[in-house]
Amino acid sequence: MALVIRNIREDDCQIISDCFKQQGWNKPVSQYRKYYSEHMSGKRTVLVAFTNDDFAGYLTIVWSSDYPWFKQNDIPEIMDLNVLKKYWRRGIATRLMDKAEQLIAQKSNQAGIGVGLTGDYGPAQILYLKRGYIPDGKGISQNEKYLNRGDKVTVDDDLILCLTKNLV
């Protein structure tokens, strides 16, 4: 399997959306057009993975995170790591993370990442811990707001635990 990781191109946006739609995930092309625009402006870096010329997955790096702890400490955030189901367990997420960490290390001593708390995030939780990411000590958050004992929340993709990794 020849894997190529590169920066997003404008014509990738429709391809990415279509591939996720084929597996039943709603990821509209507008999301990737926004990512492409932010990539071109330098706000975000979008890495895409292709295997044998077929789209396999992507991740993004947000250079100035909205998450308060990351923003205050100038920690770039890896966001939205997704690999097509048919390519799971082939090392693609690992290779995307390797490349992201290499890029971040050129600008920062730390990388940050948020992970969902439900079972469908289990593989990501394990991957991040194995890579040396540890909780930032702030507890869980939702929509960039720290949660406290007694808070009522909706359990969804925005309920996260943020992690950091020293890159030096």
N, C-alpha and C. Protein backbone atom coordinates (compact mmCIF):
# COMPACT_ATOMS: atom_id res chain seq x y z
N MET A 1 0.85 -1.18 0.00
CA MET A 1 0.00 0.00 0.00
C MET A 1 0.89 1.24 0.00
N ALA A 2 0.84 2.00 -1.06
CA ALA A 2 1.60 3.25 -1.15
C ALA A 2 0.75 4.37 -0.55
N LEU A 3 1.23 4.96 0.53
CA LEU A 3 0.50 6.02 1.20
C LEU A 3 1.19 7.35 0.94
N VAL A 4 0.41 8.32 0.51
CA VAL A 4 0.91 9.68 0.28
C VAL A 4 0.14 10.61 1.19
N ILE A 5 0.87 11.41 1.96
CA ILE A 5 0.26 12.45 2.80
C ILE A 5 0.72 13.78 2.26
N ARG A 6 -0.25 14.64 1.99
CA ARG A 6 0.06 15.95 1.40
C ARG A 6 -0.95 16.97 1.89
N ASN A 7 -0.70 18.23 1.56
CA ASN A 7 -1.64 19.29 1.88
C ASN A 7 -2.88 19.18 1.00
N ILE A 8 -4.00 19.64 1.53
CA ILE A 8 -5.25 19.62 0.79
C ILE A 8 -5.15 20.49 -0.46
N ARG A 9 -5.85 20.09 -1.49
CA ARG A 9 -6.02 20.88 -2.72
C ARG A 9 -7.51 21.18 -2.87
N GLU A 10 -7.81 22.21 -3.61
CA GLU A 10 -9.21 22.62 -3.76
C GLU A 10 -10.08 21.49 -4.32
N ASP A 11 -9.55 20.73 -5.27
CA ASP A 11 -10.36 19.67 -5.87
C ASP A 11 -10.54 18.46 -4.94
N ASP A 12 -9.85 18.43 -3.81
CA ASP A 12 -10.05 17.35 -2.83
C ASP A 12 -11.37 17.48 -2.08
N CYS A 13 -11.89 18.69 -1.96
CA CYS A 13 -13.06 18.95 -1.10
C CYS A 13 -14.24 18.05 -1.47
N GLN A 14 -14.59 18.01 -2.73
CA GLN A 14 -15.73 17.19 -3.17
C GLN A 14 -15.42 15.70 -3.00
N ILE A 15 -14.21 15.30 -3.30
CA ILE A 15 -13.80 13.89 -3.18
C ILE A 15 -13.95 13.42 -1.74
N ILE A 16 -13.46 14.22 -0.80
CA ILE A 16 -13.52 13.85 0.62
C ILE A 16 -14.97 13.70 1.06
N SER A 17 -15.78 14.69 0.75
CA SER A 17 -17.19 14.65 1.14
C SER A 17 -17.89 13.43 0.55
N ASP A 18 -17.66 13.16 -0.72
CA ASP A 18 -18.30 12.01 -1.39
C ASP A 18 -17.87 10.69 -0.76
N CYS A 19 -16.59 10.56 -0.42
CA CYS A 19 -16.11 9.31 0.18
C CYS A 19 -16.76 9.06 1.54
N PHE A 20 -16.90 10.08 2.35
CA PHE A 20 -17.55 9.88 3.64
C PHE A 20 -19.05 9.63 3.48
N LYS A 21 -19.66 10.27 2.49
CA LYS A 21 -21.08 10.03 2.23
C LYS A 21 -21.31 8.57 1.85
N GLN A 22 -20.40 7.99 1.08
CA GLN A 22 -20.52 6.59 0.66
C GLN A 22 -20.51 5.63 1.85
N GLN A 23 -19.89 6.03 2.96
CA GLN A 23 -19.89 5.14 4.12
C GLN A 23 -20.93 5.58 5.16
N GLY A 24 -21.79 6.53 4.77
CA GLY A 24 -22.90 6.92 5.63
C GLY A 24 -22.61 8.01 6.63
N TRP A 25 -21.50 8.71 6.47
CA TRP A 25 -21.16 9.81 7.37
C TRP A 25 -21.50 11.12 6.69
N ASN A 26 -22.15 12.02 7.41
CA ASN A 26 -22.54 13.31 6.86
C ASN A 26 -21.41 14.32 7.08
N LYS A 27 -20.63 14.50 6.04
CA LYS A 27 -19.54 15.47 6.07
C LYS A 27 -19.66 16.32 4.81
N PRO A 28 -20.40 17.42 4.90
CA PRO A 28 -20.71 18.22 3.70
C PRO A 28 -19.47 18.84 3.07
N VAL A 29 -19.54 19.01 1.77
CA VAL A 29 -18.43 19.60 1.01
C VAL A 29 -18.11 21.00 1.53
N SER A 30 -19.10 21.71 2.06
CA SER A 30 -18.87 23.06 2.59
C SER A 30 -17.85 23.04 3.73
N GLN A 31 -17.84 21.98 4.52
CA GLN A 31 -16.87 21.84 5.61
C GLN A 31 -15.44 21.84 5.04
N TYR A 32 -15.25 21.09 3.97
CA TYR A 32 -13.91 20.97 3.40
C TYR A 32 -13.53 22.21 2.61
N ARG A 33 -14.49 22.90 2.04
CA ARG A 33 -14.19 24.18 1.38
C ARG A 33 -13.73 25.21 2.41
N LYS A 34 -14.38 25.19 3.58
CA LYS A 34 -13.96 26.07 4.68
C LYS A 34 -12.55 25.69 5.13
N TYR A 35 -12.31 24.40 5.32
CA TYR A 35 -10.97 23.95 5.70
C TYR A 35 -9.94 24.38 4.67
N TYR A 36 -10.26 24.23 3.38
CA TYR A 36 -9.33 24.62 2.33
C TYR A 36 -9.03 26.12 2.40
N SER A 37 -10.06 26.93 2.59
CA SER A 37 -9.89 28.37 2.70
C SER A 37 -9.01 28.72 3.90
N GLU A 38 -9.26 28.07 5.04
CA GLU A 38 -8.45 28.32 6.23
C GLU A 38 -7.02 27.81 6.04
N HIS A 39 -6.87 26.74 5.29
CA HIS A 39 -5.53 26.23 4.96
C HIS A 39 -4.78 27.27 4.14
N MET A 40 -5.44 27.82 3.15
CA MET A 40 -4.80 28.79 2.26
C MET A 40 -4.44 30.08 3.02
N SER A 41 -5.22 30.43 4.05
CA SER A 41 -4.95 31.65 4.81
C SER A 41 -3.91 31.42 5.92
N GLY A 42 -3.57 30.15 6.19
CA GLY A 42 -2.59 29.84 7.23
C GLY A 42 -3.19 29.63 8.61
N LYS A 43 -4.51 29.75 8.72
CA LYS A 43 -5.16 29.54 10.01
C LYS A 43 -5.13 28.06 10.41
N ARG A 44 -5.20 27.20 9.42
CA ARG A 44 -5.30 25.76 9.63
C ARG A 44 -4.43 25.07 8.58
N THR A 45 -3.84 23.95 8.96
CA THR A 45 -3.17 23.10 7.98
C THR A 45 -4.02 21.85 7.84
N VAL A 46 -4.30 21.46 6.61
CA VAL A 46 -5.11 20.27 6.35
C VAL A 46 -4.24 19.26 5.61
N LEU A 47 -4.05 18.11 6.25
CA LEU A 47 -3.28 17.02 5.65
C LEU A 47 -4.25 15.95 5.18
N VAL A 48 -4.06 15.50 3.96
CA VAL A 48 -4.90 14.43 3.40
C VAL A 48 -4.02 13.23 3.09
N ALA A 49 -4.60 12.05 3.25
CA ALA A 49 -3.89 10.80 2.97
C ALA A 49 -4.57 10.10 1.81
N PHE A 50 -3.74 9.68 0.87
CA PHE A 50 -4.22 8.92 -0.28
C PHE A 50 -3.41 7.63 -0.36
N THR A 51 -4.10 6.54 -0.62
CA THR A 51 -3.42 5.27 -0.83
C THR A 51 -3.76 4.79 -2.23
N ASN A 52 -2.72 4.55 -3.01
CA ASN A 52 -2.92 4.14 -4.41
C ASN A 52 -3.91 5.07 -5.13
N ASP A 53 -3.75 6.36 -4.93
CA ASP A 53 -4.58 7.41 -5.54
C ASP A 53 -6.01 7.47 -5.03
N ASP A 54 -6.36 6.69 -4.00
CA ASP A 54 -7.70 6.74 -3.39
C ASP A 54 -7.61 7.50 -2.08
N PHE A 55 -8.57 8.40 -1.86
CA PHE A 55 -8.62 9.14 -0.60
C PHE A 55 -8.81 8.15 0.55
N ALA A 56 -8.04 8.33 1.63
CA ALA A 56 -8.12 7.42 2.78
C ALA A 56 -8.46 8.14 4.08
N GLY A 57 -8.04 9.39 4.25
CA GLY A 57 -8.30 10.09 5.51
C GLY A 57 -7.65 11.46 5.53
N TYR A 58 -7.86 12.15 6.65
CA TYR A 58 -7.30 13.50 6.79
C TYR A 58 -7.23 13.87 8.27
N LEU A 59 -6.53 14.93 8.55
CA LEU A 59 -6.60 15.62 9.84
C LEU A 59 -6.27 17.07 9.60
N THR A 60 -6.59 17.90 10.60
CA THR A 60 -6.27 19.31 10.49
C THR A 60 -5.49 19.74 11.73
N ILE A 61 -4.71 20.79 11.56
CA ILE A 61 -4.01 21.44 12.66
C ILE A 61 -4.52 22.87 12.71
N VAL A 62 -5.08 23.27 13.84
CA VAL A 62 -5.50 24.65 14.05
C VAL A 62 -4.38 25.33 14.83
N TRP A 63 -3.79 26.33 14.23
CA TRP A 63 -2.59 26.94 14.81
C TRP A 63 -2.90 27.82 16.01
N SER A 64 -4.10 28.38 16.08
CA SER A 64 -4.53 29.14 17.25
C SER A 64 -5.89 28.60 17.66
N SER A 65 -5.88 27.71 18.62
CA SER A 65 -7.07 26.98 19.04
C SER A 65 -8.08 27.89 19.75
N ASP A 66 -9.35 27.53 19.67
CA ASP A 66 -10.39 28.20 20.45
C ASP A 66 -10.49 27.64 21.86
N TYR A 67 -9.90 26.46 22.09
CA TYR A 67 -9.93 25.87 23.42
C TYR A 67 -9.08 26.74 24.35
N PRO A 68 -9.66 27.22 25.47
CA PRO A 68 -8.98 28.24 26.29
C PRO A 68 -7.55 27.88 26.73
N TRP A 69 -7.33 26.69 27.25
CA TRP A 69 -5.99 26.33 27.74
C TRP A 69 -4.97 26.33 26.60
N PHE A 70 -5.36 25.79 25.45
CA PHE A 70 -4.45 25.77 24.31
C PHE A 70 -4.18 27.19 23.82
N LYS A 71 -5.22 28.01 23.75
CA LYS A 71 -5.06 29.39 23.28
C LYS A 71 -4.13 30.17 24.21
N GLN A 72 -4.35 30.07 25.53
CA GLN A 72 -3.53 30.81 26.50
C GLN A 72 -2.07 30.39 26.46
N ASN A 73 -1.82 29.14 26.12
CA ASN A 73 -0.46 28.60 26.13
C ASN A 73 0.13 28.42 24.74
N ASP A 74 -0.56 28.97 23.74
CA ASP A 74 -0.07 28.94 22.35
C ASP A 74 0.25 27.52 21.89
N ILE A 75 -0.70 26.60 22.17
CA ILE A 75 -0.54 25.20 21.80
C ILE A 75 -1.39 24.91 20.56
N PRO A 76 -0.78 24.58 19.44
CA PRO A 76 -1.56 24.20 18.25
C PRO A 76 -2.39 22.95 18.56
N GLU A 77 -3.57 22.87 17.93
CA GLU A 77 -4.48 21.76 18.20
C GLU A 77 -4.70 20.90 16.95
N ILE A 78 -4.46 19.61 17.11
CA ILE A 78 -4.81 18.65 16.07
C ILE A 78 -6.31 18.42 16.19
N MET A 79 -7.02 18.58 15.08
CA MET A 79 -8.48 18.45 15.11
C MET A 79 -8.96 17.60 13.95
N ASP A 80 -10.06 16.95 14.19
CA ASP A 80 -10.83 16.31 13.13
C ASP A 80 -10.03 15.26 12.36
N LEU A 81 -9.45 14.32 13.09
CA LEU A 81 -8.76 13.19 12.47
C LEU A 81 -9.81 12.18 12.05
N ASN A 82 -9.86 11.87 10.78
CA ASN A 82 -10.83 10.92 10.25
C ASN A 82 -10.19 10.05 9.18
N VAL A 83 -10.41 8.76 9.29
CA VAL A 83 -9.95 7.80 8.29
C VAL A 83 -11.17 6.99 7.85
N LEU A 84 -11.30 6.78 6.55
CA LEU A 84 -12.41 5.97 6.03
C LEU A 84 -12.37 4.58 6.67
N LYS A 85 -13.53 4.06 7.00
CA LYS A 85 -13.62 2.75 7.67
C LYS A 85 -12.85 1.66 6.95
N LYS A 86 -12.91 1.66 5.63
CA LYS A 86 -12.24 0.59 4.88
C LYS A 86 -10.72 0.63 5.02
N TYR A 87 -10.19 1.73 5.58
CA TYR A 87 -8.74 1.86 5.77
C TYR A 87 -8.33 1.82 7.25
N TRP A 88 -9.28 1.51 8.14
CA TRP A 88 -8.94 1.42 9.55
C TRP A 88 -7.94 0.30 9.79
N ARG A 89 -7.13 0.48 10.83
CA ARG A 89 -6.16 -0.53 11.29
C ARG A 89 -5.05 -0.79 10.26
N ARG A 90 -4.74 0.25 9.47
CA ARG A 90 -3.65 0.13 8.50
C ARG A 90 -2.55 1.17 8.74
N GLY A 91 -2.61 1.84 9.87
CA GLY A 91 -1.56 2.80 10.22
C GLY A 91 -1.72 4.18 9.62
N ILE A 92 -2.85 4.44 8.99
CA ILE A 92 -3.03 5.74 8.33
C ILE A 92 -3.17 6.86 9.34
N ALA A 93 -3.96 6.65 10.39
CA ALA A 93 -4.10 7.68 11.44
C ALA A 93 -2.74 7.95 12.09
N THR A 94 -1.98 6.90 12.33
CA THR A 94 -0.65 7.05 12.93
C THR A 94 0.25 7.89 12.04
N ARG A 95 0.25 7.62 10.75
CA ARG A 95 1.09 8.38 9.82
C ARG A 95 0.64 9.85 9.72
N LEU A 96 -0.67 10.07 9.73
CA LEU A 96 -1.17 11.45 9.74
C LEU A 96 -0.71 12.18 11.00
N MET A 97 -0.82 11.49 12.14
CA MET A 97 -0.38 12.09 13.41
C MET A 97 1.13 12.37 13.39
N ASP A 98 1.92 11.43 12.85
CA ASP A 98 3.37 11.64 12.75
C ASP A 98 3.67 12.93 12.00
N LYS A 99 3.03 13.10 10.86
CA LYS A 99 3.27 14.29 10.03
C LYS A 99 2.82 15.56 10.74
N ALA A 100 1.65 15.50 11.39
CA ALA A 100 1.13 16.66 12.11
C ALA A 100 2.09 17.07 13.23
N GLU A 101 2.58 16.10 13.98
CA GLU A 101 3.49 16.41 15.08
C GLU A 101 4.81 16.98 14.56
N GLN A 102 5.28 16.50 13.41
CA GLN A 102 6.49 17.06 12.81
C GLN A 102 6.28 18.54 12.46
N LEU A 103 5.14 18.86 11.89
CA LEU A 103 4.85 20.25 11.52
C LEU A 103 4.71 21.12 12.76
N ILE A 104 3.99 20.64 13.76
CA ILE A 104 3.79 21.41 14.99
C ILE A 104 5.13 21.66 15.68
N ALA A 105 6.00 20.66 15.72
CA ALA A 105 7.29 20.78 16.40
C ALA A 105 8.15 21.89 15.82
N GLN A 106 7.88 22.30 14.59
CA GLN A 106 8.62 23.41 13.98
C GLN A 106 8.23 24.75 14.58
N LYS A 107 7.05 24.79 15.27
CA LYS A 107 6.55 26.05 15.80
C LYS A 107 6.28 26.02 17.31
N SER A 108 6.16 24.83 17.89
CA SER A 108 5.76 24.72 19.29
C SER A 108 6.39 23.48 19.92
N ASN A 109 6.58 23.55 21.24
CA ASN A 109 7.09 22.39 21.97
C ASN A 109 5.99 21.43 22.37
N GLN A 110 4.73 21.83 22.18
CA GLN A 110 3.60 20.99 22.57
C GLN A 110 2.56 20.92 21.47
N ALA A 111 1.86 19.79 21.44
CA ALA A 111 0.68 19.62 20.58
C ALA A 111 -0.51 19.33 21.48
N GLY A 112 -1.65 19.80 21.08
CA GLY A 112 -2.88 19.53 21.82
C GLY A 112 -3.86 18.78 20.94
N ILE A 113 -4.77 18.07 21.61
CA ILE A 113 -5.82 17.36 20.88
C ILE A 113 -6.99 17.15 21.83
N GLY A 114 -8.20 17.19 21.29
CA GLY A 114 -9.39 16.88 22.08
C GLY A 114 -9.96 15.57 21.60
N VAL A 115 -10.46 14.77 22.53
CA VAL A 115 -11.03 13.48 22.15
C VAL A 115 -12.42 13.33 22.78
N GLY A 116 -13.33 12.81 21.99
CA GLY A 116 -14.68 12.56 22.48
C GLY A 116 -14.69 11.49 23.57
N LEU A 117 -15.75 11.48 24.35
CA LEU A 117 -15.81 10.60 25.51
C LEU A 117 -16.67 9.36 25.31
N THR A 118 -17.37 9.27 24.20
CA THR A 118 -18.23 8.10 23.99
C THR A 118 -17.41 6.95 23.41
N GLY A 119 -18.00 5.76 23.44
CA GLY A 119 -17.31 4.55 23.01
C GLY A 119 -16.82 4.57 21.59
N ASP A 120 -17.49 5.31 20.70
CA ASP A 120 -17.04 5.33 19.32
C ASP A 120 -15.71 6.08 19.17
N TYR A 121 -15.28 6.78 20.21
CA TYR A 121 -13.96 7.42 20.21
C TYR A 121 -12.90 6.53 20.88
N GLY A 122 -13.27 5.33 21.28
CA GLY A 122 -12.34 4.43 21.95
C GLY A 122 -11.03 4.23 21.21
N PRO A 123 -11.07 3.91 19.90
CA PRO A 123 -9.80 3.73 19.18
C PRO A 123 -8.93 4.99 19.20
N ALA A 124 -9.55 6.16 19.09
CA ALA A 124 -8.78 7.41 19.12
C ALA A 124 -8.19 7.63 20.52
N GLN A 125 -8.98 7.36 21.55
CA GLN A 125 -8.48 7.51 22.92
C GLN A 125 -7.23 6.66 23.13
N ILE A 126 -7.29 5.42 22.68
CA ILE A 126 -6.15 4.51 22.83
C ILE A 126 -4.95 4.99 22.01
N LEU A 127 -5.19 5.40 20.77
CA LEU A 127 -4.11 5.91 19.91
C LEU A 127 -3.39 7.08 20.58
N TYR A 128 -4.14 8.05 21.07
CA TYR A 128 -3.53 9.25 21.64
C TYR A 128 -2.72 8.92 22.89
N LEU A 129 -3.26 8.05 23.74
CA LEU A 129 -2.53 7.67 24.95
C LEU A 129 -1.24 6.92 24.60
N LYS A 130 -1.32 6.02 23.64
CA LYS A 130 -0.12 5.29 23.21
C LYS A 130 0.93 6.22 22.62
N ARG A 131 0.51 7.32 22.04
CA ARG A 131 1.44 8.28 21.44
C ARG A 131 2.01 9.25 22.48
N GLY A 132 1.59 9.13 23.73
CA GLY A 132 2.14 9.97 24.78
C GLY A 132 1.32 11.20 25.15
N TYR A 133 0.11 11.30 24.65
CA TYR A 133 -0.76 12.41 25.03
C TYR A 133 -1.32 12.15 26.42
N ILE A 134 -1.36 13.19 27.24
CA ILE A 134 -1.91 13.07 28.59
C ILE A 134 -2.95 14.17 28.81
N PRO A 135 -3.91 13.93 29.71
CA PRO A 135 -4.92 14.97 29.97
C PRO A 135 -4.27 16.28 30.42
N ASP A 136 -4.87 17.38 30.01
CA ASP A 136 -4.32 18.69 30.36
C ASP A 136 -4.64 19.11 31.79
N GLY A 137 -5.42 18.29 32.50
CA GLY A 137 -5.71 18.57 33.90
C GLY A 137 -6.87 19.53 34.11
N LYS A 138 -7.55 19.91 33.07
CA LYS A 138 -8.66 20.86 33.17
C LYS A 138 -10.03 20.17 33.24
N GLY A 139 -10.04 18.84 33.14
CA GLY A 139 -11.30 18.11 33.14
C GLY A 139 -11.93 18.11 31.77
N ILE A 140 -13.22 17.82 31.74
CA ILE A 140 -13.91 17.75 30.45
C ILE A 140 -14.50 19.12 30.10
N SER A 141 -14.72 19.30 28.82
CA SER A 141 -15.29 20.56 28.34
C SER A 141 -16.30 20.26 27.24
N GLN A 142 -17.09 21.27 26.96
CA GLN A 142 -18.04 21.18 25.86
C GLN A 142 -18.14 22.56 25.24
N ASN A 143 -17.88 22.62 23.94
CA ASN A 143 -17.93 23.88 23.20
C ASN A 143 -17.04 24.95 23.85
N GLU A 144 -15.80 24.55 24.15
CA GLU A 144 -14.78 25.42 24.73
C GLU A 144 -15.15 25.96 26.11
N LYS A 145 -16.08 25.30 26.82
CA LYS A 145 -16.45 25.70 28.18
C LYS A 145 -16.11 24.55 29.12
N TYR A 146 -15.32 24.86 30.15
CA TYR A 146 -15.01 23.84 31.16
C TYR A 146 -16.26 23.48 31.93
N LEU A 147 -16.40 22.21 32.26
CA LEU A 147 -17.57 21.75 32.99
C LEU A 147 -17.22 21.51 34.45
N ASN A 148 -18.22 21.69 35.29
CA ASN A 148 -18.06 21.53 36.73
C ASN A 148 -19.00 20.47 37.25
N ARG A 149 -18.70 19.96 38.42
CA ARG A 149 -19.58 19.00 39.07
C ARG A 149 -21.00 19.57 39.13
N GLY A 150 -21.96 18.77 38.72
CA GLY A 150 -23.36 19.18 38.74
C GLY A 150 -23.87 19.77 37.43
N ASP A 151 -22.98 20.14 36.53
CA ASP A 151 -23.41 20.66 35.23
C ASP A 151 -24.18 19.58 34.47
N LYS A 152 -25.22 19.99 33.82
CA LYS A 152 -25.99 19.07 32.97
C LYS A 152 -25.52 19.28 31.54
N VAL A 153 -25.24 18.16 30.84
CA VAL A 153 -24.71 18.24 29.49
C VAL A 153 -25.43 17.26 28.57
N THR A 154 -25.31 17.51 27.30
CA THR A 154 -25.72 16.55 26.29
C THR A 154 -24.48 15.78 25.88
N VAL A 155 -24.56 14.47 25.91
CA VAL A 155 -23.43 13.66 25.50
C VAL A 155 -23.45 13.60 23.97
N ASP A 156 -22.47 14.29 23.37
CA ASP A 156 -22.35 14.34 21.91
C ASP A 156 -20.89 14.49 21.54
N ASP A 157 -20.62 14.76 20.28
CA ASP A 157 -19.24 14.87 19.81
C ASP A 157 -18.49 16.07 20.38
N ASP A 158 -19.22 17.03 20.96
CA ASP A 158 -18.58 18.22 21.51
C ASP A 158 -18.18 18.07 22.97
N LEU A 159 -18.52 16.96 23.60
CA LEU A 159 -18.12 16.67 24.97
C LEU A 159 -16.75 15.98 24.90
N ILE A 160 -15.71 16.69 25.35
CA ILE A 160 -14.35 16.20 25.10
C ILE A 160 -13.44 16.31 26.32
N LEU A 161 -12.37 15.55 26.25
CA LEU A 161 -11.25 15.67 27.17
C LEU A 161 -10.06 16.11 26.31
N CYS A 162 -9.40 17.17 26.73
CA CYS A 162 -8.26 17.66 25.96
C CYS A 162 -6.96 17.11 26.54
N LEU A 163 -6.06 16.80 25.63
CA LEU A 163 -4.79 16.17 25.94
C LEU A 163 -3.65 16.97 25.33
N THR A 164 -2.47 16.85 25.92
CA THR A 164 -1.30 17.49 25.34
C THR A 164 -0.15 16.49 25.29
N LYS A 165 0.81 16.80 24.43
CA LYS A 165 2.02 15.99 24.30
C LYS A 165 3.21 16.93 24.13
N ASN A 166 4.24 16.69 24.92
CA ASN A 166 5.49 17.42 24.72
C ASN A 166 6.20 16.83 23.51
N LEU A 167 6.65 17.71 22.62
CA LEU A 167 7.27 17.27 21.38
C LEU A 167 8.80 17.37 21.41
N VAL A 168 9.36 17.81 22.51
CA VAL A 168 10.82 17.92 22.61
C VAL A 168 11.37 16.91 23.59
